[in-house]
Amino acid sequence: MVALVLAGCGEARVDRSGEADQWDQWARGVEARYPVGDGQGHGPDVGSDEWARALQWKLGIVDGEGHGPDIGSAEWRGAVEQKIGK
């Protein structure tokens, strides 16, 4: 039981329609151009749900109540690319 609890504590990775490898590659490219962390290894794991939420808040893709495109959707990725300048 403890192993299940500990395994459940790991940070989830965003997986959109079986495109996890593409998502990870895209997320690493975004992070290289627009870091979410502090540059010293502090911050969410690149590509994780936490990273995506932090990125959308940092870029202003969502409003004050958290409304905006679904994380990982084509619309969301387009908004990120537009904000950081592809």
PDB file of N, CA and C in Angstrom:
ATOM      1  N   MET A   1       0.821  -1.192   0.000  1.00  0.00           N
ATOM      2  CA  MET A   1       0.000   0.000   0.000  1.00  0.00           C
ATOM      3  C   MET A   1       0.865   1.257   0.000  1.00  0.00           C
ATOM      4  N   VAL A   2       1.937   1.253   0.774  1.00  0.00           N
ATOM      5  CA  VAL A   2       2.811   2.416   0.836  1.00  0.00           C
ATOM      6  C   VAL A   2       3.426   2.703  -0.534  1.00  0.00           C
ATOM      7  N   ALA A   3       3.820   1.661  -1.247  1.00  0.00           N
ATOM      8  CA  ALA A   3       4.410   1.855  -2.576  1.00  0.00           C
ATOM      9  C   ALA A   3       3.432   2.529  -3.519  1.00  0.00           C
ATOM     10  N   LEU A   4       2.171   2.178  -3.407  1.00  0.00           N
ATOM     11  CA  LEU A   4       1.165   2.808  -4.259  1.00  0.00           C
ATOM     12  C   LEU A   4       1.003   4.281  -3.925  1.00  0.00           C
ATOM     13  N   VAL A   5       1.038   4.589  -2.646  1.00  0.00           N
ATOM     14  CA  VAL A   5       0.912   5.978  -2.222  1.00  0.00           C
ATOM     15  C   VAL A   5       2.110   6.772  -2.715  1.00  0.00           C
ATOM     16  N   LEU A   6       3.305   6.238  -2.543  1.00  0.00           N
ATOM     17  CA  LEU A   6       4.498   6.953  -2.985  1.00  0.00           C
ATOM     18  C   LEU A   6       4.527   7.096  -4.494  1.00  0.00           C
ATOM     19  N   ALA A   7       4.141   6.062  -5.209  1.00  0.00           N
ATOM     20  CA  ALA A   7       4.116   6.148  -6.664  1.00  0.00           C
ATOM     21  C   ALA A   7       3.119   7.205  -7.113  1.00  0.00           C
ATOM     22  N   GLY A   8       2.041   7.365  -6.366  1.00  0.00           N
ATOM     23  CA  GLY A   8       1.038   8.364  -6.707  1.00  0.00           C
ATOM     24  C   GLY A   8       1.478   9.778  -6.403  1.00  0.00           C
ATOM     25  N   CYS A   9       2.578   9.941  -5.679  1.00  0.00           N
ATOM     26  CA  CYS A   9       3.055  11.272  -5.322  1.00  0.00           C
ATOM     27  C   CYS A   9       3.896  11.910  -6.416  1.00  0.00           C
ATOM     28  N   GLY A  10       4.311  11.132  -7.407  1.00  0.00           N
ATOM     29  CA  GLY A  10       5.118  11.680  -8.489  1.00  0.00           C
ATOM     30  C   GLY A  10       4.337  12.688  -9.295  1.00  0.00           C
ATOM     31  N   GLU A  11       5.032  13.583  -9.909  1.00  0.00           N
ATOM     32  CA  GLU A  11       4.389  14.634 -10.685  1.00  0.00           C
ATOM     33  C   GLU A  11       3.895  14.071 -12.010  1.00  0.00           C
ATOM     34  N   ALA A  12       2.659  14.306 -12.326  1.00  0.00           N
ATOM     35  CA  ALA A  12       2.067  13.781 -13.563  1.00  0.00           C
ATOM     36  C   ALA A  12       2.597  14.539 -14.770  1.00  0.00           C
ATOM     37  N   ARG A  13       2.767  13.828 -15.862  1.00  0.00           N
ATOM     38  CA  ARG A  13       3.172  14.425 -17.132  1.00  0.00           C
ATOM     39  C   ARG A  13       1.931  14.610 -17.983  1.00  0.00           C
ATOM     40  N   VAL A  14       1.885  15.663 -18.725  1.00  0.00           N
ATOM     41  CA  VAL A  14       0.763  15.888 -19.623  1.00  0.00           C
ATOM     42  C   VAL A  14       0.873  14.904 -20.773  1.00  0.00           C
ATOM     43  N   ASP A  15      -0.213  14.197 -21.065  1.00  0.00           N
ATOM     44  CA  ASP A  15      -0.248  13.245 -22.174  1.00  0.00           C
ATOM     45  C   ASP A  15      -1.475  13.548 -23.003  1.00  0.00           C
ATOM     46  N   ARG A  16      -1.295  14.118 -24.143  1.00  0.00           N
ATOM     47  CA  ARG A  16      -2.396  14.512 -25.002  1.00  0.00           C
ATOM     48  C   ARG A  16      -2.495  13.572 -26.191  1.00  0.00           C
ATOM     49  N   SER A  17      -3.531  12.738 -26.220  1.00  0.00           N
ATOM     50  CA  SER A  17      -3.841  11.849 -27.341  1.00  0.00           C
ATOM     51  C   SER A  17      -2.665  11.000 -27.791  1.00  0.00           C
ATOM     52  N   GLY A  18      -1.935  10.412 -26.865  1.00  0.00           N
ATOM     53  CA  GLY A  18      -0.835   9.525 -27.222  1.00  0.00           C
ATOM     54  C   GLY A  18       0.356  10.229 -27.829  1.00  0.00           C
ATOM     55  N   GLU A  19       0.459  11.517 -27.663  1.00  0.00           N
ATOM     56  CA  GLU A  19       1.556  12.285 -28.250  1.00  0.00           C
ATOM     57  C   GLU A  19       2.536  12.747 -27.180  1.00  0.00           C
ATOM     58  N   ALA A  20       2.785  11.900 -26.194  1.00  0.00           N
ATOM     59  CA  ALA A  20       3.640  12.302 -25.071  1.00  0.00           C
ATOM     60  C   ALA A  20       5.035  12.701 -25.525  1.00  0.00           C
ATOM     61  N   ASP A  21       5.622  11.966 -26.477  1.00  0.00           N
ATOM     62  CA  ASP A  21       6.968  12.309 -26.944  1.00  0.00           C
ATOM     63  C   ASP A  21       6.977  13.670 -27.635  1.00  0.00           C
ATOM     64  N   GLN A  22       5.962  13.933 -28.444  1.00  0.00           N
ATOM     65  CA  GLN A  22       5.877  15.232 -29.115  1.00  0.00           C
ATOM     66  C   GLN A  22       5.678  16.343 -28.097  1.00  0.00           C
ATOM     67  N   TRP A  23       4.836  16.080 -27.096  1.00  0.00           N
ATOM     68  CA  TRP A  23       4.604  17.076 -26.049  1.00  0.00           C
ATOM     69  C   TRP A  23       5.898  17.385 -25.318  1.00  0.00           C
ATOM     70  N   ASP A  24       6.639  16.332 -24.920  1.00  0.00           N
ATOM     71  CA  ASP A  24       7.894  16.530 -24.188  1.00  0.00           C
ATOM     72  C   ASP A  24       8.892  17.336 -25.016  1.00  0.00           C
ATOM     73  N   GLN A  25       9.007  17.017 -26.284  1.00  0.00           N
ATOM     74  CA  GLN A  25       9.930  17.747 -27.163  1.00  0.00           C
ATOM     75  C   GLN A  25       9.497  19.201 -27.283  1.00  0.00           C
ATOM     76  N   TRP A  26       8.218  19.427 -27.485  1.00  0.00           N
ATOM     77  CA  TRP A  26       7.698  20.785 -27.603  1.00  0.00           C
ATOM     78  C   TRP A  26       7.937  21.554 -26.303  1.00  0.00           C
ATOM     79  N   ALA A  27       7.635  20.927 -25.166  1.00  0.00           N
ATOM     80  CA  ALA A  27       7.795  21.579 -23.867  1.00  0.00           C
ATOM     81  C   ALA A  27       9.254  21.950 -23.609  1.00  0.00           C
ATOM     82  N   ARG A  28      10.181  21.063 -23.943  1.00  0.00           N
ATOM     83  CA  ARG A  28      11.612  21.372 -23.762  1.00  0.00           C
ATOM     84  C   ARG A  28      12.018  22.562 -24.632  1.00  0.00           C
ATOM     85  N   GLY A  29      11.488  22.630 -25.847  1.00  0.00           N
ATOM     86  CA  GLY A  29      11.784  23.766 -26.728  1.00  0.00           C
ATOM     87  C   GLY A  29      11.250  25.068 -26.173  1.00  0.00           C
ATOM     88  N   VAL A  30      10.038  25.023 -25.623  1.00  0.00           N
ATOM     89  CA  VAL A  30       9.454  26.221 -25.007  1.00  0.00           C
ATOM     90  C   VAL A  30      10.276  26.631 -23.803  1.00  0.00           C
ATOM     91  N   GLU A  31      10.623  25.679 -22.961  1.00  0.00           N
ATOM     92  CA  GLU A  31      11.403  25.975 -21.755  1.00  0.00           C
ATOM     93  C   GLU A  31      12.757  26.586 -22.104  1.00  0.00           C
ATOM     94  N   ALA A  32      13.354  26.137 -23.207  1.00  0.00           N
ATOM     95  CA  ALA A  32      14.651  26.689 -23.633  1.00  0.00           C
ATOM     96  C   ALA A  32      14.519  28.159 -24.031  1.00  0.00           C
ATOM     97  N   ARG A  33      13.367  28.516 -24.593  1.00  0.00           N
ATOM     98  CA  ARG A  33      13.149  29.903 -25.038  1.00  0.00           C
ATOM     99  C   ARG A  33      12.526  30.772 -23.961  1.00  0.00           C
ATOM    100  N   TYR A  34      11.731  30.159 -23.081  1.00  0.00           N
ATOM    101  CA  TYR A  34      11.005  30.917 -22.066  1.00  0.00           C
ATOM    102  C   TYR A  34      10.949  30.099 -20.772  1.00  0.00           C
ATOM    103  N   PRO A  35      12.010  30.145 -19.973  1.00  0.00           N
ATOM    104  CA  PRO A  35      12.089  29.314 -18.769  1.00  0.00           C
ATOM    105  C   PRO A  35      11.000  29.642 -17.746  1.00  0.00           C
ATOM    106  N   VAL A  36      10.429  28.600 -17.189  1.00  0.00           N
ATOM    107  CA  VAL A  36       9.436  28.747 -16.133  1.00  0.00           C
ATOM    108  C   VAL A  36      10.130  28.736 -14.777  1.00  0.00           C
ATOM    109  N   GLY A  37      11.184  27.949 -14.642  1.00  0.00           N
ATOM    110  CA  GLY A  37      11.929  27.865 -13.387  1.00  0.00           C
ATOM    111  C   GLY A  37      12.821  29.075 -13.190  1.00  0.00           C
ATOM    112  N   ASP A  38      13.664  28.999 -12.197  1.00  0.00           N
ATOM    113  CA  ASP A  38      14.531  30.127 -11.864  1.00  0.00           C
ATOM    114  C   ASP A  38      15.936  30.003 -12.443  1.00  0.00           C
ATOM    115  N   GLY A  39      16.161  29.001 -13.285  1.00  0.00           N
ATOM    116  CA  GLY A  39      17.472  28.825 -13.884  1.00  0.00           C
ATOM    117  C   GLY A  39      18.462  28.081 -13.001  1.00  0.00           C
ATOM    118  N   GLN A  40      18.063  27.755 -11.790  1.00  0.00           N
ATOM    119  CA  GLN A  40      18.930  27.043 -10.862  1.00  0.00           C
ATOM    120  C   GLN A  40      18.349  25.683 -10.492  1.00  0.00           C
ATOM    121  N   GLY A  41      17.474  25.175 -11.337  1.00  0.00           N
ATOM    122  CA  GLY A  41      16.889  23.869 -11.091  1.00  0.00           C
ATOM    123  C   GLY A  41      15.670  23.881 -10.193  1.00  0.00           C
ATOM    124  N   HIS A  42      15.204  25.063  -9.836  1.00  0.00           N
ATOM    125  CA  HIS A  42      14.014  25.165  -9.003  1.00  0.00           C
ATOM    126  C   HIS A  42      12.817  25.461  -9.897  1.00  0.00           C
ATOM    127  N   GLY A  43      11.815  24.698  -9.734  1.00  0.00           N
ATOM    128  CA  GLY A  43      10.611  24.887 -10.523  1.00  0.00           C
ATOM    129  C   GLY A  43      10.042  23.542 -10.912  1.00  0.00           C
ATOM    130  N   PRO A  44       8.909  23.572 -11.565  1.00  0.00           N
ATOM    131  CA  PRO A  44       8.255  22.314 -11.934  1.00  0.00           C
ATOM    132  C   PRO A  44       9.015  21.576 -13.024  1.00  0.00           C
ATOM    133  N   ASP A  45       8.799  20.264 -13.096  1.00  0.00           N
ATOM    134  CA  ASP A  45       9.402  19.456 -14.157  1.00  0.00           C
ATOM    135  C   ASP A  45       8.840  19.903 -15.505  1.00  0.00           C
ATOM    136  N   VAL A  46       9.727  20.127 -16.454  1.00  0.00           N
ATOM    137  CA  VAL A  46       9.314  20.576 -17.782  1.00  0.00           C
ATOM    138  C   VAL A  46       8.370  19.550 -18.389  1.00  0.00           C
ATOM    139  N   GLY A  47       7.225  20.035 -18.866  1.00  0.00           N
ATOM    140  CA  GLY A  47       6.234  19.183 -19.491  1.00  0.00           C
ATOM    141  C   GLY A  47       5.163  18.663 -18.555  1.00  0.00           C
ATOM    142  N   SER A  48       5.348  18.863 -17.255  1.00  0.00           N
ATOM    143  CA  SER A  48       4.353  18.383 -16.292  1.00  0.00           C
ATOM    144  C   SER A  48       3.129  19.299 -16.295  1.00  0.00           C
ATOM    145  N   ASP A  49       2.051  18.822 -15.694  1.00  0.00           N
ATOM    146  CA  ASP A  49       0.860  19.666 -15.555  1.00  0.00           C
ATOM    147  C   ASP A  49       1.195  20.943 -14.792  1.00  0.00           C
ATOM    148  N   GLU A  50       1.991  20.799 -13.735  1.00  0.00           N
ATOM    149  CA  GLU A  50       2.375  21.968 -12.935  1.00  0.00           C
ATOM    150  C   GLU A  50       3.148  22.975 -13.787  1.00  0.00           C
ATOM    151  N   TRP A  51       4.050  22.487 -14.620  1.00  0.00           N
ATOM    152  CA  TRP A  51       4.826  23.356 -15.514  1.00  0.00           C
ATOM    153  C   TRP A  51       3.893  24.091 -16.474  1.00  0.00           C
ATOM    154  N   ALA A  52       2.960  23.366 -17.072  1.00  0.00           N
ATOM    155  CA  ALA A  52       2.037  23.966 -18.036  1.00  0.00           C
ATOM    156  C   ALA A  52       1.167  25.027 -17.371  1.00  0.00           C
ATOM    157  N   ARG A  53       0.693  24.747 -16.164  1.00  0.00           N
ATOM    158  CA  ARG A  53      -0.117  25.747 -15.451  1.00  0.00           C
ATOM    159  C   ARG A  53       0.711  26.985 -15.132  1.00  0.00           C
ATOM    160  N   ALA A  54       1.945  26.789 -14.665  1.00  0.00           N
ATOM    161  CA  ALA A  54       2.819  27.929 -14.357  1.00  0.00           C
ATOM    162  C   ALA A  54       3.107  28.739 -15.614  1.00  0.00           C
ATOM    163  N   LEU A  55       3.349  28.050 -16.717  1.00  0.00           N
ATOM    164  CA  LEU A  55       3.637  28.731 -17.977  1.00  0.00           C
ATOM    165  C   LEU A  55       2.453  29.574 -18.425  1.00  0.00           C
ATOM    166  N   GLN A  56       1.250  29.014 -18.364  1.00  0.00           N
ATOM    167  CA  GLN A  56       0.095  29.772 -18.840  1.00  0.00           C
ATOM    168  C   GLN A  56      -0.171  30.995 -17.976  1.00  0.00           C
ATOM    169  N   TRP A  57       0.077  30.900 -16.663  1.00  0.00           N
ATOM    170  CA  TRP A  57      -0.095  32.066 -15.790  1.00  0.00           C
ATOM    171  C   TRP A  57       0.988  33.104 -16.073  1.00  0.00           C
ATOM    172  N   LYS A  58       2.211  32.633 -16.240  1.00  0.00           N
ATOM    173  CA  LYS A  58       3.333  33.538 -16.489  1.00  0.00           C
ATOM    174  C   LYS A  58       3.149  34.297 -17.800  1.00  0.00           C
ATOM    175  N   LEU A  59       2.589  33.631 -18.812  1.00  0.00           N
ATOM    176  CA  LEU A  59       2.375  34.248 -20.114  1.00  0.00           C
ATOM    177  C   LEU A  59       1.069  35.023 -20.213  1.00  0.00           C
ATOM    178  N   GLY A  60       0.187  34.842 -19.255  1.00  0.00           N
ATOM    179  CA  GLY A  60      -1.099  35.533 -19.286  1.00  0.00           C
ATOM    180  C   GLY A  60      -2.080  34.924 -20.281  1.00  0.00           C
ATOM    181  N   ILE A  61      -1.978  33.623 -20.498  1.00  0.00           N
ATOM    182  CA  ILE A  61      -2.877  32.937 -21.420  1.00  0.00           C
ATOM    183  C   ILE A  61      -4.247  32.717 -20.775  1.00  0.00           C
ATOM    184  N   VAL A  62      -4.307  32.721 -19.464  1.00  0.00           N
ATOM    185  CA  VAL A  62      -5.571  32.556 -18.747  1.00  0.00           C
ATOM    186  C   VAL A  62      -5.903  33.857 -18.032  1.00  0.00           C
ATOM    187  N   ASP A  63      -7.201  34.046 -17.757  1.00  0.00           N
ATOM    188  CA  ASP A  63      -7.599  35.242 -17.031  1.00  0.00           C
ATOM    189  C   ASP A  63      -7.429  35.033 -15.524  1.00  0.00           C
ATOM    190  N   GLY A  64      -7.804  35.998 -14.751  1.00  0.00           N
ATOM    191  CA  GLY A  64      -7.634  35.944 -13.307  1.00  0.00           C
ATOM    192  C   GLY A  64      -8.355  34.798 -12.631  1.00  0.00           C
ATOM    193  N   GLU A  65      -9.357  34.240 -13.305  1.00  0.00           N
ATOM    194  CA  GLU A  65     -10.101  33.114 -12.745  1.00  0.00           C
ATOM    195  C   GLU A  65      -9.640  31.783 -13.317  1.00  0.00           C
ATOM    196  N   GLY A  66      -8.603  31.813 -14.148  1.00  0.00           N
ATOM    197  CA  GLY A  66      -8.056  30.581 -14.704  1.00  0.00           C
ATOM    198  C   GLY A  66      -8.736  30.102 -15.975  1.00  0.00           C
ATOM    199  N   HIS A  67      -9.558  30.959 -16.578  1.00  0.00           N
ATOM    200  CA  HIS A  67     -10.239  30.584 -17.815  1.00  0.00           C
ATOM    201  C   HIS A  67      -9.342  30.834 -19.016  1.00  0.00           C
ATOM    202  N   GLY A  68      -9.285  29.852 -19.885  1.00  0.00           N
ATOM    203  CA  GLY A  68      -8.494  29.962 -21.101  1.00  0.00           C
ATOM    204  C   GLY A  68      -8.555  28.640 -21.842  1.00  0.00           C
ATOM    205  N   PRO A  69      -7.746  28.506 -22.870  1.00  0.00           N
ATOM    206  CA  PRO A  69      -7.739  27.255 -23.628  1.00  0.00           C
ATOM    207  C   PRO A  69      -7.312  26.076 -22.750  1.00  0.00           C
ATOM    208  N   ASP A  70      -7.780  24.886 -23.101  1.00  0.00           N
ATOM    209  CA  ASP A  70      -7.390  23.671 -22.380  1.00  0.00           C
ATOM    210  C   ASP A  70      -5.892  23.448 -22.526  1.00  0.00           C
ATOM    211  N   ILE A  71      -5.219  23.172 -21.413  1.00  0.00           N
ATOM    212  CA  ILE A  71      -3.782  22.930 -21.426  1.00  0.00           C
ATOM    213  C   ILE A  71      -3.462  21.800 -22.403  1.00  0.00           C
ATOM    214  N   GLY A  72      -2.501  22.051 -23.261  1.00  0.00           N
ATOM    215  CA  GLY A  72      -2.037  21.048 -24.213  1.00  0.00           C
ATOM    216  C   GLY A  72      -2.793  21.040 -25.524  1.00  0.00           C
ATOM    217  N   SER A  73      -3.924  21.732 -25.597  1.00  0.00           N
ATOM    218  CA  SER A  73      -4.696  21.757 -26.839  1.00  0.00           C
ATOM    219  C   SER A  73      -3.945  22.554 -27.902  1.00  0.00           C
ATOM    220  N   ALA A  74      -4.348  22.379 -29.151  1.00  0.00           N
ATOM    221  CA  ALA A  74      -3.724  23.132 -30.253  1.00  0.00           C
ATOM    222  C   ALA A  74      -3.882  24.633 -30.028  1.00  0.00           C
ATOM    223  N   GLU A  75      -5.046  25.041 -29.525  1.00  0.00           N
ATOM    224  CA  GLU A  75      -5.284  26.462 -29.236  1.00  0.00           C
ATOM    225  C   GLU A  75      -4.325  26.960 -28.154  1.00  0.00           C
ATOM    226  N   TRP A  76      -4.132  26.150 -27.112  1.00  0.00           N
ATOM    227  CA  TRP A  76      -3.248  26.521 -26.010  1.00  0.00           C
ATOM    228  C   TRP A  76      -1.808  26.639 -26.493  1.00  0.00           C
ATOM    229  N   ARG A  77      -1.358  25.631 -27.251  1.00  0.00           N
ATOM    230  CA  ARG A  77       0.008  25.671 -27.785  1.00  0.00           C
ATOM    231  C   ARG A  77       0.204  26.879 -28.690  1.00  0.00           C
ATOM    232  N   GLY A  78      -0.799  27.179 -29.510  1.00  0.00           N
ATOM    233  CA  GLY A  78      -0.712  28.352 -30.379  1.00  0.00           C
ATOM    234  C   GLY A  78      -0.592  29.633 -29.582  1.00  0.00           C
ATOM    235  N   ALA A  79      -1.338  29.733 -28.482  1.00  0.00           N
ATOM    236  CA  ALA A  79      -1.267  30.924 -27.623  1.00  0.00           C
ATOM    237  C   ALA A  79       0.111  31.045 -26.989  1.00  0.00           C
ATOM    238  N   VAL A  80       0.682  29.920 -26.571  1.00  0.00           N
ATOM    239  CA  VAL A  80       2.034  29.928 -26.003  1.00  0.00           C
ATOM    240  C   VAL A  80       3.032  30.404 -27.063  1.00  0.00           C
ATOM    241  N   GLU A  81       2.962  29.807 -28.247  1.00  0.00           N
ATOM    242  CA  GLU A  81       3.892  30.171 -29.325  1.00  0.00           C
ATOM    243  C   GLU A  81       3.766  31.655 -29.679  1.00  0.00           C
ATOM    244  N   GLN A  82       2.535  32.156 -29.715  1.00  0.00           N
ATOM    245  CA  GLN A  82       2.314  33.569 -30.034  1.00  0.00           C
ATOM    246  C   GLN A  82       2.953  34.460 -28.970  1.00  0.00           C
ATOM    247  N   LYS A  83       2.785  34.102 -27.717  1.00  0.00           N
ATOM    248  CA  LYS A  83       3.327  34.914 -26.618  1.00  0.00           C
ATOM    249  C   LYS A  83       4.851  34.913 -26.567  1.00  0.00           C
ATOM    250  N   ILE A  84       5.468  33.762 -26.844  1.00  0.00           N
ATOM    251  CA  ILE A  84       6.930  33.680 -26.718  1.00  0.00           C
ATOM    252  C   ILE A  84       7.634  33.969 -28.040  1.00  0.00           C
ATOM    253  N   GLY A  85       6.861  34.070 -29.128  1.00  0.00           N
ATOM    254  CA  GLY A  85       7.451  34.376 -30.426  1.00  0.00           C
ATOM    255  C   GLY A  85       8.165  33.169 -31.007  1.00  0.00           C
ATOM    256  N   LYS A  86       7.421  32.394 -31.757  1.00  0.00           N
ATOM    257  CA  LYS A  86       7.964  31.151 -32.331  1.00  0.00           C
ATOM    258  C   LYS A  86       9.138  31.413 -33.234  1.00  0.00           C
TER     259      LYS A  86
END
